[in-house]
């Protein structure tokens, strides 16, 4: 009987989650990402939760429905790095905690999901590396078009 128990214990250990979920709230994760973007001096687009809460309490239903149709499911943060005076690069980031899943309208945005502060840091570093490569390619393209 003990052999079976130890075998079950081994299989349970084999299927442990590789990245354990950190006990953190979405607002803490949001603050950490905002601080990270400020440190790298990256502008971002974000509609704070308190704006939606105020609209739900005070706005007429027609206005709320129109805004929800347009902005519903929008990612939590959209960092923007300018390529030139006309174009910017963005990477929508959806913050999720405790393995929550995207709901209906969020699936249309194709956002990158961040669950931990470490993931936030890795995403922003990868984003900045990609931006540098795209900027170089953009400059070469503009030179060729002249």
N, C-alpha and C. Protein backbone atom coordinates (compact mmCIF):
# COMPACT_ATOMS: atom_id res chain seq x y z
N UNK A 1 0.81 -1.19 0.00
CA UNK A 1 0.00 0.00 0.00
C UNK A 1 0.86 1.26 0.00
N UNK A 2 2.00 1.21 0.70
CA UNK A 2 2.85 2.39 0.76
C UNK A 2 3.52 2.65 -0.58
N UNK A 3 3.76 1.62 -1.35
CA UNK A 3 4.38 1.81 -2.66
C UNK A 3 3.46 2.62 -3.56
N UNK A 4 2.16 2.35 -3.52
CA UNK A 4 1.21 3.11 -4.33
C UNK A 4 1.16 4.56 -3.87
N UNK A 5 1.17 4.78 -2.56
CA UNK A 5 1.10 6.13 -2.05
C UNK A 5 2.31 6.96 -2.50
N UNK A 6 3.49 6.37 -2.39
CA UNK A 6 4.69 7.13 -2.79
C UNK A 6 4.68 7.37 -4.31
N UNK A 7 4.13 6.42 -5.09
CA UNK A 7 4.04 6.62 -6.53
C UNK A 7 3.09 7.78 -6.85
N UNK A 8 1.97 7.85 -6.16
CA UNK A 8 1.03 8.96 -6.35
C UNK A 8 1.69 10.29 -6.00
N UNK A 9 2.44 10.29 -4.92
CA UNK A 9 3.12 11.51 -4.50
C UNK A 9 4.13 11.95 -5.56
N UNK A 10 4.82 11.01 -6.17
CA UNK A 10 5.78 11.34 -7.22
C UNK A 10 5.08 11.90 -8.45
N UNK A 11 3.96 11.32 -8.86
CA UNK A 11 3.25 11.83 -10.04
C UNK A 11 2.66 13.19 -9.75
N UNK A 12 2.19 13.42 -8.54
CA UNK A 12 1.66 14.75 -8.21
C UNK A 12 2.77 15.79 -8.29
N UNK A 13 3.96 15.43 -7.84
CA UNK A 13 5.10 16.34 -7.89
C UNK A 13 5.51 16.60 -9.34
N UNK A 14 5.36 15.61 -10.19
CA UNK A 14 5.75 15.73 -11.60
C UNK A 14 4.91 16.78 -12.32
N UNK A 15 3.67 16.97 -11.93
CA UNK A 15 2.77 17.89 -12.61
C UNK A 15 2.65 19.24 -11.92
N UNK A 16 3.60 19.58 -11.05
CA UNK A 16 3.55 20.88 -10.40
C UNK A 16 3.73 21.99 -11.42
N UNK A 17 3.11 23.11 -11.17
CA UNK A 17 3.21 24.27 -12.05
C UNK A 17 4.64 24.77 -12.08
N UNK A 18 5.17 25.05 -13.27
CA UNK A 18 6.54 25.51 -13.40
C UNK A 18 6.73 26.90 -12.80
N UNK A 19 5.81 27.81 -13.07
CA UNK A 19 5.87 29.16 -12.51
C UNK A 19 4.79 29.30 -11.46
N UNK A 20 5.15 29.16 -10.18
CA UNK A 20 4.11 29.26 -9.16
C UNK A 20 3.47 30.65 -9.18
N UNK A 21 2.20 30.69 -8.91
CA UNK A 21 1.46 31.95 -8.93
C UNK A 21 1.79 32.73 -7.66
N UNK A 22 2.16 33.97 -7.84
CA UNK A 22 2.49 34.83 -6.73
C UNK A 22 1.19 35.40 -6.16
N UNK A 23 1.11 35.48 -4.85
CA UNK A 23 -0.09 36.03 -4.23
C UNK A 23 0.01 37.55 -4.27
N UNK A 24 -0.51 38.14 -5.35
CA UNK A 24 -0.43 39.57 -5.58
C UNK A 24 -1.75 40.02 -6.20
N UNK A 25 -2.16 41.23 -5.90
CA UNK A 25 -3.40 41.72 -6.49
C UNK A 25 -3.11 42.37 -7.84
N UNK A 26 -4.14 42.52 -8.63
CA UNK A 26 -3.97 43.12 -9.95
C UNK A 26 -3.56 44.59 -9.83
N UNK A 27 -4.05 45.27 -8.81
CA UNK A 27 -3.67 46.68 -8.63
C UNK A 27 -2.19 46.82 -8.24
N UNK A 28 -1.66 45.88 -7.46
CA UNK A 28 -0.23 45.89 -7.13
C UNK A 28 0.60 45.62 -8.39
N UNK A 29 0.13 44.69 -9.20
CA UNK A 29 0.82 44.38 -10.45
C UNK A 29 0.77 45.58 -11.39
N UNK A 30 -0.37 46.27 -11.41
CA UNK A 30 -0.52 47.47 -12.23
C UNK A 30 0.44 48.57 -11.77
N UNK A 31 0.54 48.78 -10.46
CA UNK A 31 1.45 49.81 -9.93
C UNK A 31 2.89 49.49 -10.28
N UNK A 32 3.27 48.23 -10.17
CA UNK A 32 4.64 47.84 -10.49
C UNK A 32 4.93 48.08 -11.96
N UNK A 33 3.97 47.77 -12.84
CA UNK A 33 4.15 47.99 -14.27
C UNK A 33 4.22 49.48 -14.59
N UNK A 34 3.37 50.29 -13.94
CA UNK A 34 3.42 51.74 -14.14
C UNK A 34 4.77 52.31 -13.71
N UNK A 35 5.30 51.84 -12.57
CA UNK A 35 6.61 52.30 -12.11
C UNK A 35 7.71 51.89 -13.09
N UNK A 36 7.60 50.69 -13.62
CA UNK A 36 8.57 50.20 -14.59
C UNK A 36 8.54 51.03 -15.87
N UNK A 37 7.36 51.35 -16.36
CA UNK A 37 7.23 52.17 -17.56
C UNK A 37 7.76 53.58 -17.30
N UNK A 38 7.51 54.12 -16.11
CA UNK A 38 8.04 55.44 -15.76
C UNK A 38 9.56 55.43 -15.69
N UNK A 39 10.14 54.34 -15.16
CA UNK A 39 11.60 54.24 -15.07
C UNK A 39 12.24 54.21 -16.45
N UNK A 40 11.60 53.56 -17.41
CA UNK A 40 12.12 53.51 -18.78
C UNK A 40 11.62 54.69 -19.63
N UNK A 41 10.83 55.58 -19.04
CA UNK A 41 10.27 56.75 -19.71
C UNK A 41 9.46 56.36 -20.95
N UNK A 42 8.58 55.38 -20.75
CA UNK A 42 7.71 54.90 -21.83
C UNK A 42 6.30 55.43 -21.56
N UNK A 43 5.74 56.11 -22.56
CA UNK A 43 4.36 56.57 -22.43
C UNK A 43 3.44 55.36 -22.58
N UNK A 44 2.26 55.46 -21.98
CA UNK A 44 1.33 54.34 -22.10
C UNK A 44 -0.10 54.86 -22.12
N UNK A 45 -0.96 54.04 -22.69
CA UNK A 45 -2.38 54.33 -22.76
C UNK A 45 -3.09 53.38 -21.81
N UNK A 46 -3.94 53.94 -20.96
CA UNK A 46 -4.62 53.12 -19.96
C UNK A 46 -5.90 53.81 -19.54
N UNK A 47 -6.96 53.04 -19.42
CA UNK A 47 -8.21 53.56 -18.84
C UNK A 47 -8.31 52.95 -17.44
N UNK A 48 -8.13 53.79 -16.41
CA UNK A 48 -8.15 53.26 -15.03
C UNK A 48 -9.51 52.66 -14.67
N UNK A 49 -9.48 51.72 -13.75
CA UNK A 49 -10.71 51.05 -13.32
C UNK A 49 -11.70 52.02 -12.70
N UNK A 50 -11.20 53.05 -11.99
CA UNK A 50 -12.14 53.97 -11.35
C UNK A 50 -12.95 54.76 -12.37
N UNK A 51 -12.43 54.95 -13.59
CA UNK A 51 -13.22 55.61 -14.64
C UNK A 51 -14.42 54.76 -15.03
N UNK A 52 -14.19 53.45 -15.19
CA UNK A 52 -15.29 52.55 -15.53
C UNK A 52 -16.30 52.49 -14.40
N UNK A 53 -15.81 52.48 -13.16
CA UNK A 53 -16.72 52.43 -12.02
C UNK A 53 -17.57 53.70 -11.96
N UNK A 54 -16.96 54.85 -12.22
CA UNK A 54 -17.71 56.11 -12.21
C UNK A 54 -18.76 56.11 -13.32
N UNK A 55 -18.36 55.64 -14.51
CA UNK A 55 -19.30 55.60 -15.63
C UNK A 55 -20.49 54.69 -15.33
N UNK A 56 -20.21 53.53 -14.73
CA UNK A 56 -21.30 52.59 -14.41
C UNK A 56 -22.29 53.20 -13.43
N UNK A 57 -21.81 54.03 -12.51
CA UNK A 57 -22.70 54.64 -11.52
C UNK A 57 -23.42 55.89 -12.04
N UNK A 58 -22.75 56.67 -12.91
CA UNK A 58 -23.27 58.00 -13.22
C UNK A 58 -23.69 58.24 -14.67
N UNK A 59 -23.16 57.48 -15.60
CA UNK A 59 -23.44 57.77 -17.01
C UNK A 59 -24.77 57.17 -17.45
N UNK A 60 -25.46 57.83 -18.37
CA UNK A 60 -26.67 57.23 -18.95
C UNK A 60 -26.32 55.92 -19.66
N UNK A 61 -27.24 55.02 -19.70
CA UNK A 61 -27.02 53.68 -20.24
C UNK A 61 -26.57 53.71 -21.70
N UNK A 62 -27.06 54.68 -22.48
CA UNK A 62 -26.68 54.76 -23.89
C UNK A 62 -25.19 55.08 -24.04
N UNK A 63 -24.71 56.01 -23.22
CA UNK A 63 -23.29 56.38 -23.26
C UNK A 63 -22.43 55.23 -22.78
N UNK A 64 -22.86 54.59 -21.69
CA UNK A 64 -22.11 53.45 -21.16
C UNK A 64 -22.03 52.32 -22.18
N UNK A 65 -23.12 52.04 -22.87
CA UNK A 65 -23.12 50.98 -23.87
C UNK A 65 -22.19 51.32 -25.03
N UNK A 66 -22.23 52.58 -25.49
CA UNK A 66 -21.36 52.99 -26.60
C UNK A 66 -19.90 52.87 -26.21
N UNK A 67 -19.53 53.35 -25.02
CA UNK A 67 -18.14 53.27 -24.58
C UNK A 67 -17.70 51.83 -24.36
N UNK A 68 -18.60 51.01 -23.83
CA UNK A 68 -18.28 49.60 -23.62
C UNK A 68 -18.08 48.88 -24.96
N UNK A 69 -18.90 49.22 -25.95
CA UNK A 69 -18.72 48.62 -27.28
C UNK A 69 -17.38 49.00 -27.89
N UNK A 70 -16.96 50.24 -27.68
CA UNK A 70 -15.70 50.71 -28.27
C UNK A 70 -14.50 50.22 -27.48
N UNK A 71 -14.53 50.41 -26.17
CA UNK A 71 -13.34 50.15 -25.34
C UNK A 71 -13.44 48.88 -24.50
N UNK A 72 -14.54 48.15 -24.58
CA UNK A 72 -14.70 46.95 -23.78
C UNK A 72 -13.65 45.90 -24.12
N UNK A 73 -13.05 45.32 -23.12
CA UNK A 73 -12.03 44.31 -23.33
C UNK A 73 -10.66 44.89 -23.61
N UNK A 74 -10.52 46.21 -23.56
CA UNK A 74 -9.23 46.85 -23.81
C UNK A 74 -8.21 46.36 -22.79
N UNK A 75 -6.97 46.13 -23.23
CA UNK A 75 -5.94 45.67 -22.29
C UNK A 75 -5.71 46.68 -21.18
N UNK A 76 -5.13 46.20 -20.08
CA UNK A 76 -4.90 47.07 -18.94
C UNK A 76 -3.92 48.19 -19.26
N UNK A 77 -2.89 47.90 -20.03
CA UNK A 77 -1.87 48.90 -20.38
C UNK A 77 -1.44 48.70 -21.83
N UNK A 78 -1.28 49.82 -22.55
CA UNK A 78 -0.73 49.76 -23.90
C UNK A 78 0.46 50.71 -23.94
N UNK A 79 1.69 50.20 -23.74
CA UNK A 79 2.87 51.06 -23.84
C UNK A 79 3.09 51.51 -25.28
N UNK A 80 3.53 52.76 -25.46
CA UNK A 80 3.74 53.32 -26.79
C UNK A 80 5.15 53.90 -26.88
N UNK A 81 5.91 53.44 -27.86
CA UNK A 81 7.24 54.00 -28.12
C UNK A 81 7.22 54.56 -29.54
N UNK A 82 7.52 55.86 -29.70
CA UNK A 82 7.45 56.46 -31.04
C UNK A 82 8.57 55.98 -31.95
N UNK A 83 8.20 55.69 -33.20
CA UNK A 83 9.19 55.40 -34.24
C UNK A 83 9.68 56.71 -34.86
N UNK A 84 8.74 57.59 -35.13
CA UNK A 84 9.04 58.92 -35.65
C UNK A 84 7.88 59.83 -35.24
N UNK A 85 7.71 60.95 -35.91
CA UNK A 85 6.64 61.88 -35.54
C UNK A 85 5.24 61.35 -35.85
N UNK A 86 5.16 60.35 -36.71
CA UNK A 86 3.86 59.88 -37.17
C UNK A 86 3.45 58.52 -36.59
N UNK A 87 4.40 57.63 -36.36
CA UNK A 87 4.08 56.25 -35.98
C UNK A 87 4.67 55.90 -34.61
N UNK A 88 3.96 55.03 -33.90
CA UNK A 88 4.43 54.49 -32.62
C UNK A 88 4.24 52.99 -32.62
N UNK A 89 5.04 52.31 -31.83
CA UNK A 89 4.90 50.87 -31.64
C UNK A 89 4.22 50.62 -30.31
N UNK A 90 3.32 49.65 -30.28
CA UNK A 90 2.62 49.34 -29.05
C UNK A 90 2.66 47.84 -28.77
N UNK A 91 2.47 47.49 -27.51
CA UNK A 91 2.37 46.10 -27.11
C UNK A 91 1.31 46.01 -26.02
N UNK A 92 0.08 45.61 -26.36
CA UNK A 92 -0.97 45.53 -25.34
C UNK A 92 -0.63 44.49 -24.27
N UNK A 93 -0.76 44.88 -23.02
CA UNK A 93 -0.47 43.98 -21.90
C UNK A 93 -1.72 43.84 -21.04
N UNK A 94 -2.15 42.62 -20.86
CA UNK A 94 -3.29 42.31 -19.99
C UNK A 94 -2.74 41.71 -18.71
N UNK A 95 -3.08 42.29 -17.58
CA UNK A 95 -2.62 41.81 -16.28
C UNK A 95 -3.65 40.83 -15.72
N UNK A 96 -3.20 39.65 -15.38
CA UNK A 96 -4.07 38.62 -14.81
C UNK A 96 -3.40 38.04 -13.58
N UNK A 97 -4.17 37.79 -12.56
CA UNK A 97 -3.64 37.18 -11.35
C UNK A 97 -4.40 35.90 -11.05
N UNK A 98 -3.70 35.00 -10.38
CA UNK A 98 -4.27 33.72 -9.96
C UNK A 98 -4.93 32.98 -11.12
N UNK A 99 -4.24 32.92 -12.23
CA UNK A 99 -4.61 32.16 -13.43
C UNK A 99 -6.01 32.47 -13.94
N UNK A 100 -6.46 33.73 -13.81
CA UNK A 100 -7.74 34.10 -14.39
C UNK A 100 -7.60 34.10 -15.90
N UNK A 101 -8.68 33.84 -16.59
CA UNK A 101 -8.65 33.76 -18.05
C UNK A 101 -9.27 35.01 -18.65
N UNK A 102 -8.96 35.23 -19.93
CA UNK A 102 -9.56 36.36 -20.65
C UNK A 102 -11.04 36.10 -20.85
N UNK A 103 -11.83 37.16 -20.76
CA UNK A 103 -13.25 37.02 -21.05
C UNK A 103 -13.53 37.43 -22.49
N UNK A 104 -14.75 37.32 -22.92
CA UNK A 104 -15.17 37.49 -24.31
C UNK A 104 -14.49 38.57 -25.12
N UNK A 105 -14.65 39.85 -24.72
CA UNK A 105 -14.12 40.93 -25.52
C UNK A 105 -12.60 41.03 -25.43
N UNK A 106 -12.00 40.56 -24.35
CA UNK A 106 -10.55 40.62 -24.20
C UNK A 106 -9.84 39.72 -25.22
N UNK A 107 -10.50 38.69 -25.68
CA UNK A 107 -9.87 37.76 -26.63
C UNK A 107 -9.61 38.41 -27.97
N UNK A 108 -10.36 39.47 -28.32
CA UNK A 108 -10.17 40.14 -29.60
C UNK A 108 -8.91 41.00 -29.65
N UNK A 109 -8.37 41.37 -28.50
CA UNK A 109 -7.24 42.29 -28.47
C UNK A 109 -5.89 41.61 -28.66
N UNK A 110 -5.80 40.32 -28.55
CA UNK A 110 -4.53 39.59 -28.72
C UNK A 110 -3.43 40.18 -27.84
N UNK A 111 -3.73 40.35 -26.56
CA UNK A 111 -2.79 40.96 -25.63
C UNK A 111 -1.80 39.94 -25.10
N UNK A 112 -0.65 40.45 -24.67
CA UNK A 112 0.31 39.64 -23.94
C UNK A 112 -0.15 39.60 -22.50
N UNK A 113 -0.12 38.43 -21.88
CA UNK A 113 -0.60 38.29 -20.51
C UNK A 113 0.59 38.31 -19.54
N UNK A 114 0.46 39.09 -18.50
CA UNK A 114 1.47 39.15 -17.45
C UNK A 114 0.83 38.77 -16.13
N UNK A 115 1.46 37.82 -15.43
CA UNK A 115 0.89 37.34 -14.16
C UNK A 115 1.73 37.71 -12.95
N UNK A 116 3.01 38.04 -13.17
CA UNK A 116 3.90 38.31 -12.05
C UNK A 116 4.75 39.55 -12.33
N UNK A 117 5.34 40.15 -11.30
CA UNK A 117 6.25 41.27 -11.51
C UNK A 117 7.45 40.90 -12.39
N UNK A 118 7.95 39.68 -12.24
CA UNK A 118 9.08 39.24 -13.08
C UNK A 118 8.68 39.19 -14.55
N UNK A 119 7.46 38.77 -14.82
CA UNK A 119 6.97 38.73 -16.19
C UNK A 119 6.87 40.14 -16.75
N UNK A 120 6.41 41.10 -15.91
CA UNK A 120 6.36 42.49 -16.35
C UNK A 120 7.73 42.98 -16.80
N UNK A 121 8.74 42.72 -15.99
CA UNK A 121 10.10 43.17 -16.31
C UNK A 121 10.59 42.53 -17.60
N UNK A 122 10.38 41.21 -17.73
CA UNK A 122 10.83 40.51 -18.94
C UNK A 122 10.10 41.02 -20.18
N UNK A 123 8.81 41.28 -20.07
CA UNK A 123 8.04 41.77 -21.21
C UNK A 123 8.53 43.14 -21.67
N UNK A 124 8.77 44.05 -20.72
CA UNK A 124 9.21 45.39 -21.08
C UNK A 124 10.61 45.36 -21.69
N UNK A 125 11.50 44.54 -21.15
CA UNK A 125 12.85 44.43 -21.72
C UNK A 125 12.79 43.86 -23.14
N UNK A 126 11.99 42.83 -23.35
CA UNK A 126 11.83 42.25 -24.68
C UNK A 126 11.21 43.26 -25.65
N UNK A 127 10.24 44.02 -25.15
CA UNK A 127 9.58 45.05 -25.96
C UNK A 127 10.60 46.11 -26.39
N UNK A 128 11.43 46.57 -25.46
CA UNK A 128 12.42 47.59 -25.80
C UNK A 128 13.48 47.06 -26.78
N UNK A 129 13.86 45.80 -26.63
CA UNK A 129 14.80 45.20 -27.58
C UNK A 129 14.18 45.15 -28.97
N UNK A 130 12.93 44.75 -29.04
CA UNK A 130 12.22 44.69 -30.33
C UNK A 130 12.07 46.08 -30.94
N UNK A 131 11.81 47.07 -30.11
CA UNK A 131 11.67 48.44 -30.60
C UNK A 131 12.97 48.92 -31.23
N UNK A 132 14.09 48.62 -30.59
CA UNK A 132 15.39 49.05 -31.14
C UNK A 132 15.63 48.42 -32.51
N UNK A 133 15.33 47.15 -32.66
CA UNK A 133 15.51 46.47 -33.95
C UNK A 133 14.59 47.08 -35.01
N UNK A 134 13.34 47.31 -34.64
CA UNK A 134 12.37 47.87 -35.59
C UNK A 134 12.76 49.30 -35.97
N UNK A 135 13.28 50.08 -35.02
CA UNK A 135 13.73 51.43 -35.33
C UNK A 135 14.86 51.42 -36.36
N UNK A 136 15.80 50.50 -36.19
CA UNK A 136 16.89 50.39 -37.16
C UNK A 136 16.36 50.03 -38.55
N UNK A 137 15.45 49.06 -38.58
CA UNK A 137 14.86 48.68 -39.86
C UNK A 137 14.04 49.82 -40.46
N UNK A 138 13.36 50.56 -39.62
CA UNK A 138 12.54 51.69 -40.07
C UNK A 138 13.41 52.77 -40.70
N UNK A 139 14.55 53.06 -40.08
CA UNK A 139 15.46 54.07 -40.63
C UNK A 139 16.02 53.62 -41.98
N UNK A 140 16.37 52.34 -42.09
CA UNK A 140 16.87 51.82 -43.37
C UNK A 140 15.78 51.90 -44.44
N UNK A 141 14.55 51.59 -44.07
CA UNK A 141 13.44 51.66 -45.01
C UNK A 141 13.22 53.10 -45.48
N UNK A 142 13.25 54.03 -44.55
CA UNK A 142 13.06 55.44 -44.92
C UNK A 142 14.18 55.93 -45.84
N UNK A 143 15.41 55.46 -45.59
CA UNK A 143 16.54 55.84 -46.46
C UNK A 143 16.37 55.27 -47.86
N UNK A 144 15.86 54.06 -47.97
CA UNK A 144 15.64 53.45 -49.27
C UNK A 144 14.53 54.15 -50.06
N UNK A 145 13.55 54.67 -49.36
CA UNK A 145 12.42 55.32 -50.02
C UNK A 145 12.74 56.73 -50.50
N UNK A 146 13.86 57.28 -50.08
CA UNK A 146 14.24 58.64 -50.49
C UNK A 146 14.84 58.66 -51.84
